[in-house]
């Protein structure tokens, strides 16, 4: 088990394990939790594992204060106030701006649970 000071642990169970642990460990623990708690336990275990892995590197205090929702809102607002304003007034985007906008919009859509088709 990593030290509690480990800044980048990876959750593969209800315990925090080393980042080198593979996804098989996560699936095994999810299976164990499902047996204990039923189908809803499976969904909750998957969500916990996904959330811990996705929030890797973000301090717990920041998470407790809603930083993920704030980041989502800030990204949406940033697009609205910058790149989208350029488009609204007929100002063309550079290739880098177009790529960044597409990635930001895809991330926002994923966060909303929408299907996202990525350009090749």
N, C-alpha and C. Protein backbone atom coordinates (compact mmCIF):
# COMPACT_ATOMS: atom_id res chain seq x y z
N UNK A 1 0.85 -1.18 0.00
CA UNK A 1 0.00 0.00 0.00
C UNK A 1 0.90 1.24 0.00
N UNK A 2 0.59 2.25 -0.82
CA UNK A 2 1.45 3.42 -0.86
C UNK A 2 1.35 4.24 0.42
N UNK A 3 2.36 5.05 0.65
CA UNK A 3 2.31 5.97 1.79
C UNK A 3 1.16 6.94 1.56
N UNK A 4 0.58 7.42 2.61
CA UNK A 4 -0.52 8.37 2.49
C UNK A 4 -0.06 9.66 1.82
N UNK A 5 1.25 9.93 1.83
CA UNK A 5 1.75 11.14 1.20
C UNK A 5 1.94 10.97 -0.30
N UNK A 6 1.73 9.75 -0.82
CA UNK A 6 1.88 9.50 -2.25
C UNK A 6 0.93 10.43 -3.01
N UNK A 7 1.45 11.37 -3.83
CA UNK A 7 0.58 12.35 -4.46
C UNK A 7 -0.23 11.79 -5.63
N UNK A 8 0.12 10.62 -6.13
CA UNK A 8 -0.58 10.09 -7.30
C UNK A 8 -0.93 8.61 -7.13
N UNK A 9 -1.66 8.25 -6.08
CA UNK A 9 -2.07 6.86 -5.96
C UNK A 9 -3.13 6.54 -7.00
N UNK A 10 -3.33 5.29 -7.28
CA UNK A 10 -4.35 4.89 -8.23
C UNK A 10 -5.29 3.92 -7.53
N UNK A 11 -6.57 4.16 -7.63
CA UNK A 11 -7.54 3.31 -6.96
C UNK A 11 -7.87 2.13 -7.85
N UNK A 12 -7.61 0.94 -7.34
CA UNK A 12 -8.03 -0.26 -8.06
C UNK A 12 -8.91 -1.11 -7.16
N UNK A 13 -9.27 -0.58 -6.02
CA UNK A 13 -10.16 -1.27 -5.11
C UNK A 13 -10.70 -0.25 -4.13
N UNK A 14 -11.23 -0.73 -3.03
CA UNK A 14 -11.65 0.20 -2.01
C UNK A 14 -10.45 0.70 -1.23
N UNK A 15 -9.28 0.16 -1.53
CA UNK A 15 -8.02 0.63 -0.99
C UNK A 15 -7.28 1.36 -2.11
N UNK A 16 -6.36 2.22 -1.74
CA UNK A 16 -5.55 2.91 -2.73
C UNK A 16 -4.28 2.08 -2.92
N UNK A 17 -4.04 1.67 -4.16
CA UNK A 17 -2.88 0.83 -4.46
C UNK A 17 -1.91 1.56 -5.37
N UNK A 18 -0.75 0.99 -5.56
CA UNK A 18 0.28 1.59 -6.40
C UNK A 18 -0.21 1.78 -7.82
N UNK A 19 0.30 2.79 -8.48
CA UNK A 19 -0.10 3.12 -9.85
C UNK A 19 0.22 1.99 -10.82
N UNK A 20 1.17 1.14 -10.47
CA UNK A 20 1.54 0.06 -11.37
C UNK A 20 0.49 -1.05 -11.44
N UNK A 21 -0.44 -1.07 -10.51
CA UNK A 21 -1.47 -2.10 -10.48
C UNK A 21 -2.33 -2.00 -11.74
N UNK A 22 -2.69 -3.12 -12.32
CA UNK A 22 -3.45 -3.08 -13.58
C UNK A 22 -4.95 -3.09 -13.35
N UNK A 23 -5.69 -2.96 -14.45
CA UNK A 23 -7.15 -2.88 -14.39
C UNK A 23 -7.79 -4.18 -13.91
N UNK A 24 -7.09 -5.29 -14.00
CA UNK A 24 -7.66 -6.57 -13.55
C UNK A 24 -7.99 -6.48 -12.06
N UNK A 25 -7.13 -5.83 -11.29
CA UNK A 25 -7.39 -5.65 -9.86
C UNK A 25 -8.66 -4.86 -9.61
N UNK A 26 -8.87 -3.83 -10.41
CA UNK A 26 -10.08 -3.03 -10.26
C UNK A 26 -11.31 -3.86 -10.55
N UNK A 27 -11.26 -4.65 -11.62
CA UNK A 27 -12.42 -5.48 -11.97
C UNK A 27 -12.69 -6.52 -10.89
N UNK A 28 -11.64 -7.06 -10.30
CA UNK A 28 -11.82 -8.07 -9.25
C UNK A 28 -12.51 -7.46 -8.03
N UNK A 29 -12.08 -6.29 -7.62
CA UNK A 29 -12.70 -5.64 -6.46
C UNK A 29 -14.12 -5.22 -6.77
N UNK A 30 -14.36 -4.72 -7.96
CA UNK A 30 -15.72 -4.36 -8.35
C UNK A 30 -16.61 -5.58 -8.24
N UNK A 31 -16.10 -6.73 -8.67
CA UNK A 31 -16.86 -7.97 -8.55
C UNK A 31 -17.16 -8.32 -7.11
N UNK A 32 -16.17 -8.13 -6.22
CA UNK A 32 -16.38 -8.42 -4.80
C UNK A 32 -17.43 -7.49 -4.19
N UNK A 33 -17.35 -6.23 -4.51
CA UNK A 33 -18.32 -5.26 -3.98
C UNK A 33 -19.72 -5.58 -4.50
N UNK A 34 -19.81 -5.97 -5.76
CA UNK A 34 -21.10 -6.33 -6.34
C UNK A 34 -21.72 -7.50 -5.60
N UNK A 35 -20.91 -8.51 -5.27
CA UNK A 35 -21.41 -9.66 -4.52
C UNK A 35 -21.96 -9.22 -3.17
N UNK A 36 -21.27 -8.28 -2.54
CA UNK A 36 -21.70 -7.83 -1.21
C UNK A 36 -22.92 -6.93 -1.26
N UNK A 37 -22.98 -6.04 -2.25
CA UNK A 37 -24.01 -5.01 -2.26
C UNK A 37 -25.04 -5.17 -3.38
N UNK A 38 -24.86 -6.12 -4.24
CA UNK A 38 -25.78 -6.29 -5.35
C UNK A 38 -25.43 -5.39 -6.52
N UNK A 39 -26.34 -5.30 -7.49
CA UNK A 39 -26.10 -4.55 -8.72
C UNK A 39 -25.75 -3.10 -8.51
N UNK A 40 -26.41 -2.45 -7.56
CA UNK A 40 -26.11 -1.05 -7.30
C UNK A 40 -24.70 -0.90 -6.74
N UNK A 41 -24.25 -1.88 -5.98
CA UNK A 41 -22.89 -1.87 -5.46
C UNK A 41 -21.88 -1.90 -6.60
N UNK A 42 -22.18 -2.66 -7.64
CA UNK A 42 -21.30 -2.72 -8.81
C UNK A 42 -21.17 -1.34 -9.45
N UNK A 43 -22.29 -0.69 -9.67
CA UNK A 43 -22.28 0.64 -10.29
C UNK A 43 -21.53 1.63 -9.41
N UNK A 44 -21.75 1.57 -8.11
CA UNK A 44 -21.07 2.48 -7.19
C UNK A 44 -19.57 2.21 -7.15
N UNK A 45 -19.19 0.94 -7.13
CA UNK A 45 -17.77 0.59 -7.11
C UNK A 45 -17.07 1.07 -8.38
N UNK A 46 -17.70 0.88 -9.52
CA UNK A 46 -17.13 1.36 -10.79
C UNK A 46 -16.96 2.87 -10.76
N UNK A 47 -17.97 3.56 -10.25
CA UNK A 47 -17.94 5.02 -10.19
C UNK A 47 -16.83 5.51 -9.26
N UNK A 48 -16.68 4.86 -8.12
CA UNK A 48 -15.64 5.24 -7.17
C UNK A 48 -14.26 5.05 -7.80
N UNK A 49 -14.03 3.90 -8.40
CA UNK A 49 -12.74 3.63 -9.04
C UNK A 49 -12.47 4.65 -10.14
N UNK A 50 -13.47 4.90 -10.99
CA UNK A 50 -13.30 5.87 -12.07
C UNK A 50 -13.04 7.28 -11.54
N UNK A 51 -13.76 7.67 -10.50
CA UNK A 51 -13.60 9.01 -9.95
C UNK A 51 -12.22 9.20 -9.33
N UNK A 52 -11.78 8.23 -8.56
CA UNK A 52 -10.46 8.35 -7.93
C UNK A 52 -9.38 8.41 -9.00
N UNK A 53 -9.47 7.57 -10.02
CA UNK A 53 -8.47 7.59 -11.08
C UNK A 53 -8.53 8.89 -11.88
N UNK A 54 -9.71 9.39 -12.16
CA UNK A 54 -9.86 10.62 -12.95
C UNK A 54 -9.37 11.85 -12.18
N UNK A 55 -9.47 11.81 -10.87
CA UNK A 55 -9.10 12.98 -10.06
C UNK A 55 -7.68 12.89 -9.52
N UNK A 56 -6.93 11.96 -10.04
CA UNK A 56 -5.54 11.77 -9.63
C UNK A 56 -4.77 13.09 -9.76
N UNK A 57 -4.14 13.50 -8.69
CA UNK A 57 -3.35 14.72 -8.69
C UNK A 57 -4.10 15.94 -8.21
N UNK A 58 -5.40 15.84 -8.05
CA UNK A 58 -6.19 16.97 -7.55
C UNK A 58 -6.32 16.79 -6.03
N UNK A 59 -5.95 17.79 -5.26
CA UNK A 59 -6.04 17.65 -3.80
C UNK A 59 -7.47 17.36 -3.33
N UNK A 60 -7.59 16.54 -2.32
CA UNK A 60 -8.90 16.17 -1.77
C UNK A 60 -9.69 17.40 -1.37
N UNK A 61 -9.02 18.37 -0.75
CA UNK A 61 -9.71 19.58 -0.31
C UNK A 61 -10.35 20.30 -1.50
N UNK A 62 -9.64 20.33 -2.63
CA UNK A 62 -10.19 20.97 -3.82
C UNK A 62 -11.42 20.21 -4.32
N UNK A 63 -11.36 18.89 -4.28
CA UNK A 63 -12.50 18.08 -4.69
C UNK A 63 -13.70 18.33 -3.78
N UNK A 64 -13.43 18.42 -2.48
CA UNK A 64 -14.50 18.66 -1.52
C UNK A 64 -15.16 20.02 -1.73
N UNK A 65 -14.45 20.93 -2.34
CA UNK A 65 -14.98 22.26 -2.59
C UNK A 65 -15.49 22.43 -4.02
N UNK A 66 -15.68 21.33 -4.73
CA UNK A 66 -16.33 21.37 -6.03
C UNK A 66 -15.48 21.82 -7.21
N UNK A 67 -14.18 21.58 -7.14
CA UNK A 67 -13.30 22.07 -8.19
C UNK A 67 -13.59 21.46 -9.56
N UNK A 68 -14.05 20.22 -9.61
CA UNK A 68 -14.32 19.61 -10.91
C UNK A 68 -15.47 20.33 -11.61
N UNK A 69 -16.55 20.59 -10.90
CA UNK A 69 -17.67 21.34 -11.48
C UNK A 69 -17.23 22.76 -11.84
N UNK A 70 -16.38 23.35 -11.01
CA UNK A 70 -15.89 24.70 -11.30
C UNK A 70 -15.04 24.71 -12.56
N UNK A 71 -14.19 23.70 -12.73
CA UNK A 71 -13.37 23.61 -13.94
C UNK A 71 -14.24 23.44 -15.17
N UNK A 72 -15.26 22.62 -15.06
CA UNK A 72 -16.18 22.40 -16.17
C UNK A 72 -16.86 23.72 -16.56
N UNK A 73 -17.37 24.42 -15.57
CA UNK A 73 -18.03 25.70 -15.83
C UNK A 73 -17.08 26.75 -16.37
N UNK A 74 -15.87 26.77 -15.83
CA UNK A 74 -14.88 27.75 -16.27
C UNK A 74 -14.47 27.51 -17.72
N UNK A 75 -14.31 26.25 -18.09
CA UNK A 75 -13.95 25.93 -19.47
C UNK A 75 -15.06 26.35 -20.43
N UNK A 76 -16.27 26.06 -20.06
CA UNK A 76 -17.43 26.44 -20.87
C UNK A 76 -17.49 27.97 -21.02
N UNK A 77 -17.31 28.68 -19.91
CA UNK A 77 -17.35 30.13 -19.92
C UNK A 77 -16.19 30.73 -20.73
N UNK A 78 -15.02 30.15 -20.60
CA UNK A 78 -13.86 30.62 -21.35
C UNK A 78 -14.11 30.51 -22.85
N UNK A 79 -14.65 29.39 -23.28
CA UNK A 79 -14.97 29.24 -24.70
C UNK A 79 -15.99 30.28 -25.15
N UNK A 80 -17.01 30.45 -24.34
CA UNK A 80 -18.08 31.40 -24.66
C UNK A 80 -17.55 32.82 -24.79
N UNK A 81 -16.64 33.20 -23.92
CA UNK A 81 -16.16 34.58 -23.89
C UNK A 81 -14.98 34.86 -24.83
N UNK A 82 -14.37 33.82 -25.36
CA UNK A 82 -13.20 34.05 -26.22
C UNK A 82 -13.44 33.53 -27.63
N UNK A 83 -13.18 32.27 -27.81
CA UNK A 83 -13.24 31.67 -29.14
C UNK A 83 -14.63 31.80 -29.77
N UNK A 84 -15.66 31.54 -28.99
CA UNK A 84 -17.01 31.64 -29.54
C UNK A 84 -17.37 33.07 -29.93
N UNK A 85 -16.83 34.05 -29.21
CA UNK A 85 -17.05 35.45 -29.57
C UNK A 85 -16.35 35.78 -30.89
N UNK A 86 -15.15 35.24 -31.07
CA UNK A 86 -14.45 35.42 -32.35
C UNK A 86 -15.32 34.90 -33.49
N UNK A 87 -15.83 33.69 -33.32
CA UNK A 87 -16.67 33.09 -34.36
C UNK A 87 -17.93 33.91 -34.60
N UNK A 88 -18.53 34.39 -33.52
CA UNK A 88 -19.75 35.18 -33.61
C UNK A 88 -19.54 36.43 -34.47
N UNK A 89 -18.37 37.03 -34.36
CA UNK A 89 -18.09 38.27 -35.09
C UNK A 89 -17.25 38.04 -36.35
N UNK A 90 -17.23 36.81 -36.82
CA UNK A 90 -16.58 36.51 -38.09
C UNK A 90 -15.06 36.49 -38.06
N UNK A 91 -14.48 36.40 -36.89
CA UNK A 91 -13.02 36.33 -36.78
C UNK A 91 -12.62 34.86 -36.88
N UNK A 92 -11.79 34.56 -37.87
CA UNK A 92 -11.36 33.18 -38.08
C UNK A 92 -10.45 32.69 -36.96
N UNK A 93 -10.44 31.39 -36.81
CA UNK A 93 -9.60 30.76 -35.79
C UNK A 93 -8.37 30.15 -36.46
N UNK A 94 -7.28 30.17 -35.73
CA UNK A 94 -6.09 29.48 -36.23
C UNK A 94 -6.33 27.98 -36.13
N UNK A 95 -5.48 27.21 -36.75
CA UNK A 95 -5.61 25.75 -36.68
C UNK A 95 -5.52 25.28 -35.23
N UNK A 96 -4.60 25.87 -34.47
CA UNK A 96 -4.45 25.52 -33.06
C UNK A 96 -5.68 25.86 -32.24
N UNK A 97 -6.27 27.02 -32.52
CA UNK A 97 -7.49 27.42 -31.82
C UNK A 97 -8.65 26.49 -32.16
N UNK A 98 -8.76 26.12 -33.43
CA UNK A 98 -9.82 25.19 -33.83
C UNK A 98 -9.66 23.85 -33.13
N UNK A 99 -8.42 23.37 -33.06
CA UNK A 99 -8.14 22.09 -32.40
C UNK A 99 -8.45 22.18 -30.91
N UNK A 100 -8.01 23.26 -30.27
CA UNK A 100 -8.26 23.44 -28.84
C UNK A 100 -9.76 23.54 -28.56
N UNK A 101 -10.49 24.26 -29.42
CA UNK A 101 -11.93 24.40 -29.25
C UNK A 101 -12.62 23.05 -29.37
N UNK A 102 -12.22 22.27 -30.37
CA UNK A 102 -12.81 20.94 -30.56
C UNK A 102 -12.56 20.05 -29.35
N UNK A 103 -11.34 20.08 -28.82
CA UNK A 103 -11.02 19.26 -27.64
C UNK A 103 -11.81 19.72 -26.42
N UNK A 104 -11.93 21.03 -26.25
CA UNK A 104 -12.69 21.56 -25.10
C UNK A 104 -14.16 21.18 -25.21
N UNK A 105 -14.73 21.34 -26.40
CA UNK A 105 -16.14 20.98 -26.59
C UNK A 105 -16.37 19.49 -26.38
N UNK A 106 -15.42 18.66 -26.82
CA UNK A 106 -15.54 17.21 -26.62
C UNK A 106 -15.48 16.87 -25.13
N UNK A 107 -14.59 17.52 -24.39
CA UNK A 107 -14.48 17.28 -22.95
C UNK A 107 -15.76 17.69 -22.23
N UNK A 108 -16.31 18.83 -22.60
CA UNK A 108 -17.56 19.30 -22.00
C UNK A 108 -18.70 18.32 -22.30
N UNK A 109 -18.78 17.87 -23.54
CA UNK A 109 -19.83 16.91 -23.93
C UNK A 109 -19.68 15.60 -23.16
N UNK A 110 -18.46 15.10 -23.03
CA UNK A 110 -18.24 13.87 -22.27
C UNK A 110 -18.67 14.04 -20.82
N UNK A 111 -18.35 15.20 -20.25
CA UNK A 111 -18.71 15.46 -18.85
C UNK A 111 -20.23 15.50 -18.67
N UNK A 112 -20.95 15.84 -19.72
CA UNK A 112 -22.41 15.85 -19.68
C UNK A 112 -23.00 14.48 -20.01
N UNK A 113 -22.14 13.52 -20.34
CA UNK A 113 -22.61 12.19 -20.67
C UNK A 113 -23.06 12.05 -22.11
N UNK A 114 -22.68 12.98 -22.95
CA UNK A 114 -23.07 12.94 -24.36
C UNK A 114 -22.07 12.10 -25.17
N UNK A 115 -22.56 11.50 -26.23
CA UNK A 115 -21.68 10.77 -27.13
C UNK A 115 -20.80 11.77 -27.87
N UNK A 116 -19.53 11.44 -27.99
CA UNK A 116 -18.59 12.34 -28.66
C UNK A 116 -17.89 11.59 -29.78
N UNK A 117 -17.96 12.16 -30.97
CA UNK A 117 -17.24 11.63 -32.12
C UNK A 117 -16.00 12.45 -32.31
N UNK A 118 -14.86 11.82 -32.19
CA UNK A 118 -13.61 12.55 -32.37
C UNK A 118 -13.17 12.50 -33.82
N UNK A 119 -12.71 13.64 -34.31
CA UNK A 119 -12.22 13.72 -35.69
C UNK A 119 -10.90 12.97 -35.79
N UNK A 120 -10.70 12.35 -36.94
CA UNK A 120 -9.47 11.58 -37.14
C UNK A 120 -8.29 12.46 -37.40
